[in-house]
Protein backbone atom coordinates (compact mmCIF):
# COMPACT_ATOMS: atom_id res chain seq x y z
CA UNK A 1 26.45 0.06 -7.48
CA UNK A 2 23.88 -0.68 -4.81
CA UNK A 3 21.56 2.18 -3.88
CA UNK A 4 19.57 2.20 -0.64
CA UNK A 5 15.98 3.48 -1.02
CA UNK A 6 15.18 4.46 2.54
CA UNK A 7 11.47 5.22 2.75
CA UNK A 8 9.49 6.08 -0.39
CA UNK A 9 5.80 6.52 0.36
CA UNK A 10 5.95 3.98 3.20
CA UNK A 11 5.18 4.88 6.82
CA UNK A 12 5.54 3.33 10.26
CA UNK A 13 2.42 1.25 9.69
CA UNK A 14 4.29 -0.49 6.87
CA UNK A 15 7.42 -0.98 8.97
CA UNK A 16 8.25 0.33 12.43
CA UNK A 17 11.73 1.43 11.33
CA UNK A 18 10.73 3.41 8.24
CA UNK A 19 12.79 6.63 8.56
CA UNK A 20 10.73 9.80 8.18
CA UNK A 21 12.33 12.65 10.13
CA UNK A 22 15.66 14.23 9.17
CA UNK A 23 17.30 12.70 12.25
CA UNK A 24 15.98 9.21 11.47
CA UNK A 25 16.95 9.54 7.82
CA UNK A 26 20.46 10.57 8.81
CA UNK A 27 20.86 7.67 11.22
CA UNK A 28 19.50 5.23 8.66
CA UNK A 29 21.78 6.65 5.97
CA UNK A 30 24.80 6.04 8.20
CA UNK A 31 23.65 2.47 8.86
CA UNK A 32 23.10 1.52 5.21
CA UNK A 33 26.37 3.08 4.09
CA UNK A 34 28.16 1.12 6.82
CA UNK A 35 26.39 -1.98 5.49
CA UNK A 36 27.80 -1.36 2.02
CA UNK A 37 25.35 0.83 0.10
CA UNK A 38 26.95 3.38 -2.23
CA UNK A 39 24.18 5.92 -2.72
CA UNK A 40 20.87 7.00 -1.20
CA UNK A 41 17.35 7.61 -2.47
CA UNK A 42 14.71 9.15 -0.22
CA UNK A 43 11.43 11.04 0.05
CA UNK A 44 11.66 14.02 2.47
CA UNK A 45 8.72 14.58 4.83
CA UNK A 46 7.17 17.58 6.55
CA UNK A 47 6.60 17.48 10.34
CA UNK A 48 3.29 15.66 9.85
CA UNK A 49 5.05 12.86 7.95
CA UNK A 50 3.68 13.87 4.53
CA UNK A 51 5.99 13.58 1.53
CA UNK A 52 7.07 16.99 0.28
CA UNK A 53 9.32 18.82 -2.16
CA UNK A 54 9.11 22.12 -0.28
CA UNK A 55 12.53 23.73 -0.04
CA UNK A 56 12.83 23.96 3.75
CA UNK A 57 12.00 20.29 4.35
CA UNK A 58 14.22 19.15 1.49
CA UNK A 59 17.09 21.15 2.97
CA UNK A 60 16.51 19.72 6.46
CA UNK A 61 16.70 16.14 5.20
CA UNK A 62 19.72 16.64 2.95
CA UNK A 63 21.73 18.63 5.48
CA UNK A 64 21.07 16.11 8.26
CA UNK A 65 22.25 13.25 6.06
CA UNK A 66 25.31 15.06 4.74
CA UNK A 67 26.36 15.83 8.30
CA UNK A 68 26.38 12.07 9.07
CA UNK A 69 27.69 10.69 5.76
CA UNK A 70 29.49 13.50 3.93
CA UNK A 71 30.23 12.86 0.29
CA UNK A 72 27.58 10.17 -0.20
CA UNK A 73 25.35 10.91 -3.22
CA UNK A 74 21.76 11.71 -2.22
CA UNK A 75 18.80 11.42 -4.56
CA UNK A 76 15.19 12.54 -4.16
CA UNK A 77 11.99 11.44 -5.85
CA UNK A 78 9.98 13.94 -7.89
CA UNK A 79 6.90 11.69 -8.12
CA UNK A 80 3.84 13.69 -9.19
CA UNK A 81 1.95 12.62 -6.07
CA UNK A 82 4.41 14.34 -3.74
CA UNK A 83 3.29 17.73 -2.39
CA UNK A 84 2.83 20.27 -3.87
CA UNK A 85 2.03 17.76 -6.63
CA UNK A 86 1.74 17.83 -10.41
CA UNK A 87 3.26 20.84 -12.12
CA UNK A 88 3.72 22.46 -8.71
CA UNK A 89 6.87 20.36 -8.51
CA UNK A 90 8.61 22.69 -10.93
CA UNK A 91 7.98 25.71 -8.73
CA UNK A 92 9.11 23.80 -5.64
CA UNK A 93 12.31 22.60 -7.33
CA UNK A 94 13.14 26.11 -8.49
CA UNK A 95 13.00 27.23 -4.85
CA UNK A 96 15.52 24.65 -3.63
CA UNK A 97 18.58 26.25 -2.05
CA UNK A 98 20.14 23.00 -0.82
CA UNK A 99 20.36 20.71 -3.83
CA UNK A 100 20.34 16.90 -3.95
CA UNK A 101 22.96 15.19 -6.09
CA UNK A 102 20.23 13.76 -8.32
CA UNK A 103 16.49 13.29 -8.65
CA UNK A 104 14.40 10.49 -10.10
CA UNK A 105 11.82 11.46 -12.73
CA UNK A 106 9.05 9.12 -13.88
CA UNK A 107 8.62 9.16 -17.65
CA UNK A 108 4.97 8.11 -17.26
CA UNK A 109 4.22 11.64 -16.00
CA UNK A 110 3.16 14.26 -18.53
CA UNK A 111 5.66 16.93 -17.52
CA UNK A 112 8.64 14.58 -17.16
CA UNK A 113 10.63 16.34 -19.93
CA UNK A 114 10.20 19.70 -18.18
CA UNK A 115 11.25 18.24 -14.82
CA UNK A 116 14.31 16.64 -16.41
CA UNK A 117 15.29 19.87 -18.16
CA UNK A 118 14.89 21.90 -14.97
CA UNK A 119 16.99 19.47 -12.92
CA UNK A 120 19.78 19.41 -15.50
CA UNK A 121 19.74 23.22 -15.75
CA UNK A 122 20.38 23.40 -12.00
CA UNK A 123 23.25 20.92 -12.12
CA UNK A 124 21.19 18.12 -10.55
CA UNK A 125 21.67 14.63 -11.97
CA UNK A 126 18.64 12.80 -13.36
CA UNK A 127 17.57 9.20 -12.91
CA UNK A 128 15.00 8.51 -15.64
CA UNK A 129 12.38 6.14 -14.28
CA UNK A 130 10.97 3.73 -16.87
CA UNK A 131 7.98 1.57 -15.93
CA UNK A 132 7.12 0.30 -19.39
CA UNK A 133 8.20 0.01 -23.01
CA UNK A 134 6.17 3.16 -23.74
CA UNK A 135 8.21 5.03 -21.10
CA UNK A 136 11.44 3.73 -22.62
CA UNK A 137 10.45 4.83 -26.11
CA UNK A 138 9.45 8.26 -24.84
CA UNK A 139 12.70 8.65 -22.95
CA UNK A 140 15.00 7.60 -25.77
CA UNK A 141 13.39 10.23 -28.01
CA UNK A 142 14.19 13.08 -25.59
CA UNK A 143 17.04 15.43 -26.55
CA UNK A 144 18.28 15.31 -22.94
CA UNK A 145 18.35 11.49 -22.72
CA UNK A 146 22.12 11.13 -23.02
CA UNK A 147 22.65 13.82 -20.38
CA UNK A 148 20.97 11.77 -17.64
CA UNK A 149 22.94 10.26 -14.80
CA UNK A 150 21.28 6.86 -15.12
CA UNK A 151 18.19 5.01 -16.24
CA UNK A 152 15.94 3.26 -13.73
CA UNK A 153 14.11 0.18 -14.96
CA UNK A 154 11.35 0.16 -12.35
CA UNK A 155 9.17 -2.94 -12.34
CA UNK A 156 5.81 -2.66 -10.61
CA UNK A 157 4.34 -5.96 -11.84
CA UNK A 158 3.86 -8.48 -9.04
CA UNK A 159 3.86 -11.55 -11.27
CA UNK A 160 7.57 -12.41 -11.46
CA UNK A 161 7.64 -13.76 -15.01
CA UNK A 162 5.62 -10.81 -16.24
CA UNK A 163 7.93 -8.38 -14.47
CA UNK A 164 11.06 -9.98 -15.92
CA UNK A 165 9.50 -9.86 -19.37
CA UNK A 166 8.71 -6.14 -19.03
CA UNK A 167 12.28 -5.45 -17.89
CA UNK A 168 13.67 -7.39 -20.85
CA UNK A 169 11.47 -5.45 -23.27
CA UNK A 170 12.61 -2.13 -21.80
CA UNK A 171 16.26 -3.18 -22.12
CA UNK A 172 15.71 -3.97 -25.80
CA UNK A 173 14.45 -0.44 -26.44
CA UNK A 174 17.46 0.99 -24.62
CA UNK A 175 19.86 -1.25 -26.52
CA UNK A 176 18.50 -0.02 -29.85
CA UNK A 177 18.97 3.59 -28.73
CA UNK A 178 22.65 3.09 -27.75
CA UNK A 179 22.52 5.87 -25.15
CA UNK A 180 25.56 4.75 -23.14
CA UNK A 181 23.80 5.68 -19.88
CA UNK A 182 24.16 3.42 -16.78
CA UNK A 183 21.12 1.31 -15.91
CA UNK A 184 19.74 0.47 -12.46
CA UNK A 185 17.03 -2.20 -12.31
CA UNK A 186 14.74 -2.85 -9.34
CA UNK A 187 11.43 -4.40 -8.41
CA UNK A 188 8.67 -3.79 -5.89
CA UNK A 189 7.40 -6.04 -3.07
CA UNK A 190 7.08 -9.53 -4.60
CA UNK A 191 9.52 -8.74 -7.42
CA UNK A 192 12.30 -7.10 -5.35
CA UNK A 193 14.65 -10.05 -5.08
CA UNK A 194 14.00 -11.66 -8.49
CA UNK A 195 14.66 -8.32 -10.22
CA UNK A 196 17.75 -7.75 -8.06
CA UNK A 197 19.13 -11.18 -8.94
CA UNK A 198 18.41 -10.50 -12.61
CA UNK A 199 20.27 -7.18 -12.33
CA UNK A 200 23.26 -8.94 -10.75
CA UNK A 201 23.33 -11.50 -13.54
CA UNK A 202 23.32 -8.76 -16.17
CA UNK A 203 25.88 -6.51 -14.47
CA UNK A 204 23.34 -3.75 -13.81
CA UNK A 205 23.17 -1.49 -10.78
CA UNK A 206 20.62 -2.38 -8.09
CA UNK A 207 18.43 -0.79 -5.45
CA UNK A 208 17.19 -2.24 -2.16
CA UNK A 209 15.35 -0.73 0.81
CA UNK A 210 12.03 -0.27 2.55
CA UNK A 211 10.65 1.84 -0.27
CA UNK A 212 10.67 -1.25 -2.47
CA UNK A 213 9.91 -3.95 0.10
CA UNK A 214 10.42 -5.08 3.69
CA UNK A 215 11.12 -8.78 3.27
CA UNK A 216 14.42 -10.63 3.12
CA UNK A 217 15.06 -13.21 0.38
CA UNK A 218 13.77 -15.98 2.68
CA UNK A 219 10.44 -14.18 3.09
CA UNK A 220 10.96 -13.03 6.67
CA UNK A 221 10.59 -9.37 7.59
CA UNK A 222 13.83 -7.40 7.74
CA UNK A 223 14.72 -5.58 10.93
CA UNK A 224 15.55 -2.38 9.02
CA UNK A 225 17.11 -0.96 5.87
CA UNK A 226 20.61 -2.00 6.89
CA UNK A 227 19.47 -5.64 7.15
CA UNK A 228 18.08 -5.44 3.62
CA UNK A 229 21.38 -4.05 2.29
CA UNK A 230 23.35 -6.78 4.05
CA UNK A 231 21.03 -9.39 2.55
CA UNK A 232 21.62 -7.94 -0.90
CA UNK A 233 25.38 -8.29 -0.54
CA UNK A 234 24.98 -11.80 0.81
CA UNK A 235 22.87 -12.72 -2.21
CA UNK A 236 25.50 -11.24 -4.51
CA UNK A 237 28.02 -13.72 -3.08
CA UNK A 238 25.90 -16.77 -3.93
CA UNK A 239 27.41 -18.67 -6.91
CA UNK A 240 25.03 -19.33 -9.84
CA UNK A 241 22.49 -22.09 -9.19
CA UNK A 242 23.45 -22.33 -5.51
CA UNK A 243 20.54 -21.76 -3.05
CA UNK A 244 21.05 -18.67 -0.83
CA UNK A 245 20.53 -20.73 2.35
CA UNK A 246 23.78 -22.61 1.66
CA UNK A 247 25.84 -19.46 2.13
CA UNK A 248 26.84 -18.55 5.73
CA UNK A 249 24.98 -15.47 7.01
CA UNK A 250 26.68 -12.12 7.40
CA UNK A 251 27.32 -11.32 11.04
CA UNK A 252 24.53 -9.18 12.45
CA UNK A 253 22.13 -9.95 9.60
């Protein structure tokens, strides 16, 4: 499964085509699904462009996307830095009337177990975000661990070898726990494509989009999220040990 992460905390200063408004998110969702993505991950914004979990803005984003790509799973971030922030997230999530299909929850955050429990109680799937071995150990000890939709191995390290080593260490913790929960592995900026290739090699799900990085595998800047998704599928077609540049480009990429 390839998930498209449309915006994250990025803005138009990061990339001109970062989708922020419900209309732009909906158009971008249609483009990445047409390019081959299976699911969506996004950070709704208020009219000023600030990330938010407030019910009205969450509903606007989800409804706009579902009108364009009905049936496509939509996930939201619950990062503690998103307004209203911290434990205020719980109150905001309880007020949601239009529900996402799933939310991502970072295990590094103190109230992660409470956020996970609330999401599950409302019938919302949970992606458990693990940044470190400590996160993995905390997650595997939770009573709700096996009820989660998937596990996200989220590598923030910018040194590639270091990032791959952290991902491997997290996978060892998960293997010992035998949770039988799907795993999605992704990187950030410099580690996006190495972590994606590693995920492909291991048969794990992947995630690509402007939230994680704006560059194509050759280092050039992507035109938009759809171009990044097309590049991911092109890379998936490259036989082992064959340089990506030897594979013909996808039309329009």
